[in-house]
Amino acid sequence: MGDVSRRDLFRIFGRRVQPAPRPVAEPDPLRVALVSGRHCLALTSRCSVCIEQCPIPGAMQWDAGLPMVNPDICNGCRICQQVCPAPTNAVRMLPRPPGSNQSWQESPD
């Protein structure tokens, strides 16, 4: 084996790791996220991946130690579902409840 300098070792192993790209998904105004509490890792640990990755402020928040979705703010983008680290995905996408506020959506003319 050839001699490897200390500088070469730092160059090889000291590289900055680039963060994983954030998932991108198109909003689905007909769907809303729902966190299934029995599958959520927040029951046994302080997992907050879905809340941290949600691109809509206030759409996901803590409630009684579990992440909860505000259906009036959720735009149905599915990012929380894509990033959920639970072995059985804790985030389900369901049809939007009738009468929920969809003011963020453009009204058809």
PDB file of N, CA and C in Angstrom:
ATOM      1  N   MET A   1       0.835  -1.187   0.000  1.00  0.00           N
ATOM      2  CA  MET A   1       0.000   0.000   0.000  1.00  0.00           C
ATOM      3  C   MET A   1       0.873   1.241   0.000  1.00  0.00           C
ATOM      4  N   GLY A   2       0.408   2.240  -0.741  1.00  0.00           N
ATOM      5  CA  GLY A   2       1.152   3.485  -0.793  1.00  0.00           C
ATOM      6  C   GLY A   2       0.942   4.301   0.465  1.00  0.00           C
ATOM      7  N   ASP A   3       1.830   5.212   0.686  1.00  0.00           N
ATOM      8  CA  ASP A   3       1.693   6.091   1.843  1.00  0.00           C
ATOM      9  C   ASP A   3       0.584   7.115   1.595  1.00  0.00           C
ATOM     10  N   VAL A   4      -0.261   7.269   2.574  1.00  0.00           N
ATOM     11  CA  VAL A   4      -1.342   8.250   2.505  1.00  0.00           C
ATOM     12  C   VAL A   4      -1.066   9.307   3.564  1.00  0.00           C
ATOM     13  N   SER A   5      -1.037  10.541   3.134  1.00  0.00           N
ATOM     14  CA  SER A   5      -0.739  11.606   4.079  1.00  0.00           C
ATOM     15  C   SER A   5      -1.970  11.915   4.925  1.00  0.00           C
ATOM     16  N   ARG A   6      -1.716  12.586   5.991  1.00  0.00           N
ATOM     17  CA  ARG A   6      -2.800  12.999   6.873  1.00  0.00           C
ATOM     18  C   ARG A   6      -3.769  13.926   6.140  1.00  0.00           C
ATOM     19  N   ARG A   7      -3.218  14.798   5.328  1.00  0.00           N
ATOM     20  CA  ARG A   7      -4.032  15.718   4.545  1.00  0.00           C
ATOM     21  C   ARG A   7      -4.960  14.949   3.599  1.00  0.00           C
ATOM     22  N   ASP A   8      -4.429  13.894   2.979  1.00  0.00           N
ATOM     23  CA  ASP A   8      -5.256  13.072   2.090  1.00  0.00           C
ATOM     24  C   ASP A   8      -6.375  12.378   2.854  1.00  0.00           C
ATOM     25  N   LEU A   9      -6.088  11.915   4.061  1.00  0.00           N
ATOM     26  CA  LEU A   9      -7.135  11.289   4.870  1.00  0.00           C
ATOM     27  C   LEU A   9      -8.258  12.267   5.185  1.00  0.00           C
ATOM     28  N   PHE A  10      -7.897  13.486   5.567  1.00  0.00           N
ATOM     29  CA  PHE A  10      -8.918  14.481   5.859  1.00  0.00           C
ATOM     30  C   PHE A  10      -9.692  14.861   4.592  1.00  0.00           C
ATOM     31  N   ARG A  11      -9.001  14.866   3.469  1.00  0.00           N
ATOM     32  CA  ARG A  11      -9.665  15.188   2.215  1.00  0.00           C
ATOM     33  C   ARG A  11     -10.687  14.100   1.871  1.00  0.00           C
ATOM     34  N   ILE A  12     -10.338  12.844   2.147  1.00  0.00           N
ATOM     35  CA  ILE A  12     -11.232  11.723   1.832  1.00  0.00           C
ATOM     36  C   ILE A  12     -12.381  11.635   2.829  1.00  0.00           C
ATOM     37  N   PHE A  13     -12.054  11.645   4.117  1.00  0.00           N
ATOM     38  CA  PHE A  13     -13.068  11.412   5.148  1.00  0.00           C
ATOM     39  C   PHE A  13     -13.685  12.679   5.716  1.00  0.00           C
ATOM     40  N   GLY A  14     -13.079  13.820   5.460  1.00  0.00           N
ATOM     41  CA  GLY A  14     -13.568  15.063   6.037  1.00  0.00           C
ATOM     42  C   GLY A  14     -14.513  15.827   5.131  1.00  0.00           C
ATOM     43  N   ARG A  15     -14.923  15.223   4.039  1.00  0.00           N
ATOM     44  CA  ARG A  15     -15.853  15.909   3.138  1.00  0.00           C
ATOM     45  C   ARG A  15     -17.169  16.169   3.831  1.00  0.00           C
ATOM     46  N   ARG A  16     -17.727  17.295   3.519  1.00  0.00           N
ATOM     47  CA  ARG A  16     -19.049  17.606   4.075  1.00  0.00           C
ATOM     48  C   ARG A  16     -20.095  16.756   3.377  1.00  0.00           C
ATOM     49  N   VAL A  17     -20.965  16.227   4.166  1.00  0.00           N
ATOM     50  CA  VAL A  17     -22.050  15.431   3.626  1.00  0.00           C
ATOM     51  C   VAL A  17     -23.183  16.382   3.256  1.00  0.00           C
ATOM     52  N   GLN A  18     -23.630  16.285   2.029  1.00  0.00           N
ATOM     53  CA  GLN A  18     -24.733  17.125   1.572  1.00  0.00           C
ATOM     54  C   GLN A  18     -26.038  16.575   2.131  1.00  0.00           C
ATOM     55  N   PRO A  19     -26.902  17.433   2.655  1.00  0.00           N
ATOM     56  CA  PRO A  19     -28.184  16.946   3.148  1.00  0.00           C
ATOM     57  C   PRO A  19     -29.011  16.388   1.999  1.00  0.00           C
ATOM     58  N   ALA A  20     -29.845  15.422   2.332  1.00  0.00           N
ATOM     59  CA  ALA A  20     -30.711  14.823   1.318  1.00  0.00           C
ATOM     60  C   ALA A  20     -31.663  15.882   0.783  1.00  0.00           C
ATOM     61  N   PRO A  21     -31.927  15.853  -0.509  1.00  0.00           N
ATOM     62  CA  PRO A  21     -32.865  16.845  -1.037  1.00  0.00           C
ATOM     63  C   PRO A  21     -34.245  16.652  -0.453  1.00  0.00           C
ATOM     64  N   ARG A  22     -34.908  17.754  -0.222  1.00  0.00           N
ATOM     65  CA  ARG A  22     -36.253  17.715   0.344  1.00  0.00           C
ATOM     66  C   ARG A  22     -37.235  17.162  -0.677  1.00  0.00           C
ATOM     67  N   PRO A  23     -38.102  16.257  -0.267  1.00  0.00           N
ATOM     68  CA  PRO A  23     -39.078  15.743  -1.221  1.00  0.00           C
ATOM     69  C   PRO A  23     -39.970  16.874  -1.740  1.00  0.00           C
ATOM     70  N   VAL A  24     -40.311  16.767  -2.997  1.00  0.00           N
ATOM     71  CA  VAL A  24     -41.192  17.753  -3.606  1.00  0.00           C
ATOM     72  C   VAL A  24     -42.435  17.033  -4.096  1.00  0.00           C
ATOM     73  N   ALA A  25     -43.568  17.540  -3.746  1.00  0.00           N
ATOM     74  CA  ALA A  25     -44.817  16.929  -4.177  1.00  0.00           C
ATOM     75  C   ALA A  25     -45.812  18.035  -4.500  1.00  0.00           C
ATOM     76  N   GLU A  26     -46.638  17.756  -5.462  1.00  0.00           N
ATOM     77  CA  GLU A  26     -47.677  18.706  -5.837  1.00  0.00           C
ATOM     78  C   GLU A  26     -48.818  18.637  -4.823  1.00  0.00           C
ATOM     79  N   PRO A  27     -49.360  19.772  -4.429  1.00  0.00           N
ATOM     80  CA  PRO A  27     -50.514  19.768  -3.526  1.00  0.00           C
ATOM     81  C   PRO A  27     -51.711  19.068  -4.160  1.00  0.00           C
ATOM     82  N   ASP A  28     -52.465  18.374  -3.343  1.00  0.00           N
ATOM     83  CA  ASP A  28     -53.692  17.721  -3.785  1.00  0.00           C
ATOM     84  C   ASP A  28     -54.831  18.287  -2.941  1.00  0.00           C
ATOM     85  N   PRO A  29     -55.598  19.220  -3.480  1.00  0.00           N
ATOM     86  CA  PRO A  29     -56.632  19.884  -2.680  1.00  0.00           C
ATOM     87  C   PRO A  29     -57.764  18.957  -2.247  1.00  0.00           C
ATOM     88  N   LEU A  30     -57.824  17.756  -2.807  1.00  0.00           N
ATOM     89  CA  LEU A  30     -58.888  16.824  -2.439  1.00  0.00           C
ATOM     90  C   LEU A  30     -58.477  15.876  -1.321  1.00  0.00           C
ATOM     91  N   ARG A  31     -57.211  15.953  -0.878  1.00  0.00           N
ATOM     92  CA  ARG A  31     -56.715  15.052   0.149  1.00  0.00           C
ATOM     93  C   ARG A  31     -56.131  15.834   1.314  1.00  0.00           C
ATOM     94  N   VAL A  32     -56.106  15.176   2.463  1.00  0.00           N
ATOM     95  CA  VAL A  32     -55.538  15.768   3.671  1.00  0.00           C
ATOM     96  C   VAL A  32     -54.810  14.661   4.428  1.00  0.00           C
ATOM     97  N   ALA A  33     -53.731  15.023   5.113  1.00  0.00           N
ATOM     98  CA  ALA A  33     -52.948  14.051   5.873  1.00  0.00           C
ATOM     99  C   ALA A  33     -53.605  13.771   7.218  1.00  0.00           C
ATOM    100  N   LEU A  34     -53.405  12.556   7.711  1.00  0.00           N
ATOM    101  CA  LEU A  34     -53.879  12.152   9.035  1.00  0.00           C
ATOM    102  C   LEU A  34     -52.797  11.282   9.655  1.00  0.00           C
ATOM    103  N   VAL A  35     -52.389  11.594  10.876  1.00  0.00           N
ATOM    104  CA  VAL A  35     -51.365  10.813  11.568  1.00  0.00           C
ATOM    105  C   VAL A  35     -52.045   9.710  12.358  1.00  0.00           C
ATOM    106  N   SER A  36     -51.660   8.476  12.076  1.00  0.00           N
ATOM    107  CA  SER A  36     -52.183   7.316  12.792  1.00  0.00           C
ATOM    108  C   SER A  36     -51.348   7.133  14.054  1.00  0.00           C
ATOM    109  N   GLY A  37     -51.923   7.472  15.189  1.00  0.00           N
ATOM    110  CA  GLY A  37     -51.193   7.476  16.452  1.00  0.00           C
ATOM    111  C   GLY A  37     -50.550   6.162  16.826  1.00  0.00           C
ATOM    112  N   ARG A  38     -51.189   5.050  16.531  1.00  0.00           N
ATOM    113  CA  ARG A  38     -50.627   3.766  16.960  1.00  0.00           C
ATOM    114  C   ARG A  38     -49.376   3.378  16.189  1.00  0.00           C
ATOM    115  N   HIS A  39     -49.152   3.960  15.013  1.00  0.00           N
ATOM    116  CA  HIS A  39     -47.953   3.665  14.237  1.00  0.00           C
ATOM    117  C   HIS A  39     -46.874   4.739  14.394  1.00  0.00           C
ATOM    118  N   CYS A  40     -47.219   5.865  14.981  1.00  0.00           N
ATOM    119  CA  CYS A  40     -46.310   7.006  15.072  1.00  0.00           C
ATOM    120  C   CYS A  40     -45.188   6.744  16.078  1.00  0.00           C
ATOM    121  N   LEU A  41     -43.958   7.035  15.660  1.00  0.00           N
ATOM    122  CA  LEU A  41     -42.804   6.851  16.545  1.00  0.00           C
ATOM    123  C   LEU A  41     -42.796   7.841  17.705  1.00  0.00           C
ATOM    124  N   ALA A  42     -43.578   8.902  17.607  1.00  0.00           N
ATOM    125  CA  ALA A  42     -43.640   9.885  18.690  1.00  0.00           C
ATOM    126  C   ALA A  42     -44.249   9.293  19.955  1.00  0.00           C
ATOM    127  N   LEU A  43     -44.931   8.162  19.846  1.00  0.00           N
ATOM    128  CA  LEU A  43     -45.468   7.498  21.042  1.00  0.00           C
ATOM    129  C   LEU A  43     -44.348   7.009  21.955  1.00  0.00           C
ATOM    130  N   THR A  44     -43.246   6.560  21.364  1.00  0.00           N
ATOM    131  CA  THR A  44     -42.159   5.985  22.154  1.00  0.00           C
ATOM    132  C   THR A  44     -40.903   6.840  22.151  1.00  0.00           C
ATOM    133  N   SER A  45     -40.808   7.793  21.247  1.00  0.00           N
ATOM    134  CA  SER A  45     -39.644   8.677  21.195  1.00  0.00           C
ATOM    135  C   SER A  45     -40.111  10.057  20.750  1.00  0.00           C
ATOM    136  N   ARG A  46     -39.212  10.972  20.679  1.00  0.00           N
ATOM    137  CA  ARG A  46     -39.576  12.344  20.299  1.00  0.00           C
ATOM    138  C   ARG A  46     -39.323  12.550  18.804  1.00  0.00           C
ATOM    139  N   CYS A  47     -39.984  11.793  17.979  1.00  0.00           N
ATOM    140  CA  CYS A  47     -39.854  11.924  16.525  1.00  0.00           C
ATOM    141  C   CYS A  47     -40.677  13.125  16.074  1.00  0.00           C
ATOM    142  N   SER A  48     -40.077  13.983  15.266  1.00  0.00           N
ATOM    143  CA  SER A  48     -40.792  15.157  14.763  1.00  0.00           C
ATOM    144  C   SER A  48     -40.465  15.417  13.296  1.00  0.00           C
ATOM    145  N   VAL A  49     -40.094  14.376  12.580  1.00  0.00           N
ATOM    146  CA  VAL A  49     -39.676  14.521  11.190  1.00  0.00           C
ATOM    147  C   VAL A  49     -40.780  15.142  10.346  1.00  0.00           C
ATOM    148  N   CYS A  50     -42.011  14.666  10.493  1.00  0.00           N
ATOM    149  CA  CYS A  50     -43.111  15.182   9.670  1.00  0.00           C
ATOM    150  C   CYS A  50     -43.349  16.661   9.926  1.00  0.00           C
ATOM    151  N   ILE A  51     -43.281  17.079  11.175  1.00  0.00           N
ATOM    152  CA  ILE A  51     -43.508  18.490  11.512  1.00  0.00           C
ATOM    153  C   ILE A  51     -42.377  19.356  10.956  1.00  0.00           C
ATOM    154  N   GLU A  52     -41.139  18.865  11.078  1.00  0.00           N
ATOM    155  CA  GLU A  52     -39.987  19.626  10.602  1.00  0.00           C
ATOM    156  C   GLU A  52     -39.977  19.769   9.084  1.00  0.00           C
ATOM    157  N   GLN A  53     -40.444  18.766   8.375  1.00  0.00           N
ATOM    158  CA  GLN A  53     -40.384  18.786   6.915  1.00  0.00           C
ATOM    159  C   GLN A  53     -41.609  19.392   6.249  1.00  0.00           C
ATOM    160  N   CYS A  54     -42.658  19.629   6.996  1.00  0.00           N
ATOM    161  CA  CYS A  54     -43.887  20.184   6.422  1.00  0.00           C
ATOM    162  C   CYS A  54     -43.613  21.599   5.892  1.00  0.00           C
ATOM    163  N   PRO A  55     -43.922  21.856   4.605  1.00  0.00           N
ATOM    164  CA  PRO A  55     -43.623  23.169   4.040  1.00  0.00           C
ATOM    165  C   PRO A  55     -44.665  24.241   4.363  1.00  0.00           C
ATOM    166  N   ILE A  56     -45.792  23.854   4.939  1.00  0.00           N
ATOM    167  CA  ILE A  56     -46.862  24.803   5.228  1.00  0.00           C
ATOM    168  C   ILE A  56     -46.867  25.122   6.726  1.00  0.00           C
ATOM    169  N   PRO A  57     -46.521  26.346   7.117  1.00  0.00           N
ATOM    170  CA  PRO A  57     -46.498  26.688   8.540  1.00  0.00           C
ATOM    171  C   PRO A  57     -47.869  26.488   9.186  1.00  0.00           C
ATOM    172  N   GLY A  58     -47.877  25.767  10.301  1.00  0.00           N
ATOM    173  CA  GLY A  58     -49.103  25.559  11.059  1.00  0.00           C
ATOM    174  C   GLY A  58     -49.939  24.376  10.609  1.00  0.00           C
ATOM    175  N   ALA A  59     -49.563  23.716   9.517  1.00  0.00           N
ATOM    176  CA  ALA A  59     -50.354  22.574   9.049  1.00  0.00           C
ATOM    177  C   ALA A  59     -50.174  21.369   9.964  1.00  0.00           C
ATOM    178  N   MET A  60     -48.988  21.230  10.565  1.00  0.00           N
ATOM    179  CA  MET A  60     -48.740  20.143  11.521  1.00  0.00           C
ATOM    180  C   MET A  60     -48.213  20.758  12.803  1.00  0.00           C
ATOM    181  N   GLN A  61     -48.700  20.264  13.924  1.00  0.00           N
ATOM    182  CA  GLN A  61     -48.264  20.787  15.217  1.00  0.00           C
ATOM    183  C   GLN A  61     -48.397  19.704  16.274  1.00  0.00           C
ATOM    184  N   TRP A  62     -47.761  19.923  17.409  1.00  0.00           N
ATOM    185  CA  TRP A  62     -47.832  18.969  18.518  1.00  0.00           C
ATOM    186  C   TRP A  62     -49.157  19.116  19.245  1.00  0.00           C
ATOM    187  N   ASP A  63     -49.754  17.979  19.588  1.00  0.00           N
ATOM    188  CA  ASP A  63     -50.970  17.970  20.388  1.00  0.00           C
ATOM    189  C   ASP A  63     -50.941  16.705  21.232  1.00  0.00           C
ATOM    190  N   ALA A  64     -50.857  16.855  22.535  1.00  0.00           N
ATOM    191  CA  ALA A  64     -50.812  15.736  23.473  1.00  0.00           C
ATOM    192  C   ALA A  64     -49.665  14.776  23.157  1.00  0.00           C
ATOM    193  N   GLY A  65     -48.514  15.325  22.750  1.00  0.00           N
ATOM    194  CA  GLY A  65     -47.331  14.504  22.498  1.00  0.00           C
ATOM    195  C   GLY A  65     -47.287  13.823  21.155  1.00  0.00           C
ATOM    196  N   LEU A  66     -48.254  14.079  20.299  1.00  0.00           N
ATOM    197  CA  LEU A  66     -48.275  13.490  18.961  1.00  0.00           C
ATOM    198  C   LEU A  66     -48.400  14.592  17.908  1.00  0.00           C
ATOM    199  N   PRO A  67     -47.828  14.369  16.731  1.00  0.00           N
ATOM    200  CA  PRO A  67     -48.045  15.340  15.667  1.00  0.00           C
ATOM    201  C   PRO A  67     -49.476  15.244  15.153  1.00  0.00           C
ATOM    202  N   MET A  68     -50.109  16.376  14.981  1.00  0.00           N
ATOM    203  CA  MET A  68     -51.483  16.419  14.485  1.00  0.00           C
ATOM    204  C   MET A  68     -51.536  17.334  13.274  1.00  0.00           C
ATOM    205  N   VAL A  69     -52.455  17.033  12.374  1.00  0.00           N
ATOM    206  CA  VAL A  69     -52.622  17.803  11.146  1.00  0.00           C
ATOM    207  C   VAL A  69     -53.838  18.711  11.286  1.00  0.00           C
ATOM    208  N   ASN A  70     -53.673  19.958  10.912  1.00  0.00           N
ATOM    209  CA  ASN A  70     -54.790  20.886  10.854  1.00  0.00           C
ATOM    210  C   ASN A  70     -55.355  20.803   9.437  1.00  0.00           C
ATOM    211  N   PRO A  71     -56.518  20.160   9.241  1.00  0.00           N
ATOM    212  CA  PRO A  71     -57.046  19.969   7.885  1.00  0.00           C
ATOM    213  C   PRO A  71     -57.414  21.260   7.173  1.00  0.00           C
ATOM    214  N   ASP A  72     -57.609  22.347   7.925  1.00  0.00           N
ATOM    215  CA  ASP A  72     -57.929  23.620   7.289  1.00  0.00           C
ATOM    216  C   ASP A  72     -56.706  24.262   6.642  1.00  0.00           C
ATOM    217  N   ILE A  73     -55.511  23.844   7.066  1.00  0.00           N
ATOM    218  CA  ILE A  73     -54.279  24.436   6.542  1.00  0.00           C
ATOM    219  C   ILE A  73     -53.532  23.467   5.625  1.00  0.00           C
ATOM    220  N   CYS A  74     -53.633  22.167   5.870  1.00  0.00           N
ATOM    221  CA  CYS A  74     -52.929  21.148   5.082  1.00  0.00           C
ATOM    222  C   CYS A  74     -53.307  21.268   3.607  1.00  0.00           C
ATOM    223  N   ASN A  75     -52.286  21.254   2.729  1.00  0.00           N
ATOM    224  CA  ASN A  75     -52.573  21.361   1.299  1.00  0.00           C
ATOM    225  C   ASN A  75     -52.498  20.012   0.583  1.00  0.00           C
ATOM    226  N   GLY A  76     -52.279  18.922   1.320  1.00  0.00           N
ATOM    227  CA  GLY A  76     -52.286  17.591   0.729  1.00  0.00           C
ATOM    228  C   GLY A  76     -51.058  17.260  -0.084  1.00  0.00           C
ATOM    229  N   CYS A  77     -49.914  17.867   0.212  1.00  0.00           N
ATOM    230  CA  CYS A  77     -48.717  17.678  -0.609  1.00  0.00           C
ATOM    231  C   CYS A  77     -48.027  16.320  -0.401  1.00  0.00           C
ATOM    232  N   ARG A  78     -48.350  15.590   0.644  1.00  0.00           N
ATOM    233  CA  ARG A  78     -47.832  14.249   0.926  1.00  0.00           C
ATOM    234  C   ARG A  78     -46.372  14.214   1.390  1.00  0.00           C
ATOM    235  N   ILE A  79     -45.739  15.343   1.650  1.00  0.00           N
ATOM    236  CA  ILE A  79     -44.349  15.325   2.087  1.00  0.00           C
ATOM    237  C   ILE A  79     -44.226  14.636   3.438  1.00  0.00           C
ATOM    238  N   CYS A  80     -45.158  14.887   4.362  1.00  0.00           N
ATOM    239  CA  CYS A  80     -45.109  14.244   5.678  1.00  0.00           C
ATOM    240  C   CYS A  80     -45.193  12.719   5.528  1.00  0.00           C
ATOM    241  N   GLN A  81     -45.973  12.249   4.578  1.00  0.00           N
ATOM    242  CA  GLN A  81     -46.096  10.809   4.337  1.00  0.00           C
ATOM    243  C   GLN A  81     -44.791  10.249   3.773  1.00  0.00           C
ATOM    244  N   GLN A  82     -44.137  10.985   2.895  1.00  0.00           N
ATOM    245  CA  GLN A  82     -42.906  10.525   2.268  1.00  0.00           C
ATOM    246  C   GLN A  82     -41.737  10.465   3.243  1.00  0.00           C
ATOM    247  N   VAL A  83     -41.693  11.354   4.237  1.00  0.00           N
ATOM    248  CA  VAL A  83     -40.546  11.407   5.144  1.00  0.00           C
ATOM    249  C   VAL A  83     -40.763  10.637   6.444  1.00  0.00           C
ATOM    250  N   CYS A  84     -41.945  10.101   6.672  1.00  0.00           N
ATOM    251  CA  CYS A  84     -42.234   9.391   7.924  1.00  0.00           C
ATOM    252  C   CYS A  84     -41.294   8.192   8.073  1.00  0.00           C
ATOM    253  N   PRO A  85     -40.507   8.132   9.172  1.00  0.00           N
ATOM    254  CA  PRO A  85     -39.549   7.052   9.339  1.00  0.00           C
ATOM    255  C   PRO A  85     -40.112   5.800  10.013  1.00  0.00           C
ATOM    256  N   ALA A  86     -41.369   5.806  10.383  1.00  0.00           N
ATOM    257  CA  ALA A  86     -41.957   4.654  11.079  1.00  0.00           C
ATOM    258  C   ALA A  86     -41.973   3.433  10.165  1.00  0.00           C
ATOM    259  N   PRO A  87     -41.706   2.242  10.720  1.00  0.00           N
ATOM    260  CA  PRO A  87     -41.732   1.019   9.896  1.00  0.00           C
ATOM    261  C   PRO A  87     -43.064   0.822   9.176  1.00  0.00           C
ATOM    262  N   THR A  88     -44.159   1.083   9.860  1.00  0.00           N
ATOM    263  CA  THR A  88     -45.475   1.131   9.224  1.00  0.00           C
ATOM    264  C   THR A  88     -45.814   2.602   9.162  1.00  0.00           C
ATOM    265  N   ASN A  89     -45.836   3.154   7.965  1.00  0.00           N
ATOM    266  CA  ASN A  89     -46.009   4.603   7.793  1.00  0.00           C
ATOM    267  C   ASN A  89     -47.186   5.099   8.626  1.00  0.00           C
ATOM    268  N   ALA A  90     -46.935   6.107   9.452  1.00  0.00           N
ATOM    269  CA  ALA A  90     -47.961   6.628  10.354  1.00  0.00           C
ATOM    270  C   ALA A  90     -48.834   7.700   9.717  1.00  0.00           C
ATOM    271  N   VAL A  91     -48.468   8.163   8.531  1.00  0.00           N
ATOM    272  CA  VAL A  91     -49.228   9.229   7.894  1.00  0.00           C
ATOM    273  C   VAL A  91     -50.051   8.647   6.754  1.00  0.00           C
ATOM    274  N   ARG A  92     -51.336   8.900   6.801  1.00  0.00           N
ATOM    275  CA  ARG A  92     -52.260   8.439   5.771  1.00  0.00           C
ATOM    276  C   ARG A  92     -52.812   9.663   5.048  1.00  0.00           C
ATOM    277  N   MET A  93     -53.072   9.515   3.769  1.00  0.00           N
ATOM    278  CA  MET A  93     -53.714  10.571   2.995  1.00  0.00           C
ATOM    279  C   MET A  93     -55.164  10.158   2.785  1.00  0.00           C
ATOM    280  N   LEU A  94     -56.065  10.982   3.272  1.00  0.00           N
ATOM    281  CA  LEU A  94     -57.495  10.677   3.201  1.00  0.00           C
ATOM    282  C   LEU A  94     -58.222  11.757   2.410  1.00  0.00           C
ATOM    283  N   PRO A  95     -59.425  11.438   1.925  1.00  0.00           N
ATOM    284  CA  PRO A  95     -60.215  12.486   1.269  1.00  0.00           C
ATOM    285  C   PRO A  95     -60.483  13.628   2.242  1.00  0.00           C
ATOM    286  N   ARG A  96     -60.425  14.837   1.738  1.00  0.00           N
ATOM    287  CA  ARG A  96     -60.650  16.024   2.571  1.00  0.00           C
ATOM    288  C   ARG A  96     -62.068  15.996   3.132  1.00  0.00           C
ATOM    289  N   PRO A  97     -62.224  16.283   4.434  1.00  0.00           N
ATOM    290  CA  PRO A  97     -63.567  16.300   5.022  1.00  0.00           C
ATOM    291  C   PRO A  97     -64.425  17.396   4.392  1.00  0.00           C
ATOM    292  N   PRO A  98     -65.707  17.122   4.198  1.00  0.00           N
ATOM    293  CA  PRO A  98     -66.563  18.155   3.612  1.00  0.00           C
ATOM    294  C   PRO A  98     -66.652  19.365   4.531  1.00  0.00           C
ATOM    295  N   GLY A  99     -66.635  20.533   3.930  1.00  0.00           N
ATOM    296  CA  GLY A  99     -66.776  21.761   4.705  1.00  0.00           C
ATOM    297  C   GLY A  99     -65.482  22.294   5.276  1.00  0.00           C
ATOM    298  N   SER A 100     -64.335  21.622   5.009  1.00  0.00           N
ATOM    299  CA  SER A 100     -63.083  22.163   5.549  1.00  0.00           C
ATOM    300  C   SER A 100     -62.695  23.390   4.745  1.00  0.00           C
ATOM    301  N   ASN A 101     -62.029  24.301   5.407  1.00  0.00           N
ATOM    302  CA  ASN A 101     -61.647  25.564   4.797  1.00  0.00           C
ATOM    303  C   ASN A 101     -60.572  25.331   3.747  1.00  0.00           C
ATOM    304  N   GLN A 102     -60.832  25.748   2.530  1.00  0.00           N
ATOM    305  CA  GLN A 102     -59.848  25.621   1.471  1.00  0.00           C
ATOM    306  C   GLN A 102     -59.550  26.989   0.883  1.00  0.00           C
ATOM    307  N   SER A 103     -59.433  27.993   1.745  1.00  0.00           N
ATOM    308  CA  SER A 103     -59.258  29.371   1.291  1.00  0.00           C
ATOM    309  C   SER A 103     -57.938  29.588   0.585  1.00  0.00           C
ATOM    310  N   TRP A 104     -56.927  28.737   0.816  1.00  0.00           N
ATOM    311  CA  TRP A 104     -55.645  28.884   0.165  1.00  0.00           C
ATOM    312  C   TRP A 104     -55.737  28.516  -1.297  1.00  0.00           C
ATOM    313  N   GLN A 105     -56.780  27.791  -1.673  1.00  0.00           N
ATOM    314  CA  GLN A 105     -56.945  27.318  -3.033  1.00  0.00           C
ATOM    315  C   GLN A 105     -57.637  28.383  -3.872  1.00  0.00           C
ATOM    316  N   GLU A 106     -57.201  28.524  -5.116  1.00  0.00           N
ATOM    317  CA  GLU A 106     -57.849  29.485  -5.997  1.00  0.00           C
ATOM    318  C   GLU A 106     -59.253  29.033  -6.293  1.00  0.00           C
ATOM    319  N   SER A 107     -60.179  29.973  -6.281  1.00  0.00           N
ATOM    320  CA  SER A 107     -61.566  29.610  -6.578  1.00  0.00           C
ATOM    321  C   SER A 107     -61.770  29.591  -8.084  1.00  0.00           C
ATOM    322  N   PRO A 108     -62.500  28.566  -8.594  1.00  0.00           N
ATOM    323  CA  PRO A 108     -62.734  28.530 -10.031  1.00  0.00           C
ATOM    324  C   PRO A 108     -63.726  29.623 -10.436  1.00  0.00           C
ATOM    325  N   ASP A 109     -63.474  30.238 -11.549  1.00  0.00           N
ATOM    326  CA  ASP A 109     -64.366  31.304 -12.029  1.00  0.00           C
ATOM    327  C   ASP A 109     -65.216  30.815 -13.165  1.00  0.00           C
TER     328      ASP A 109
END
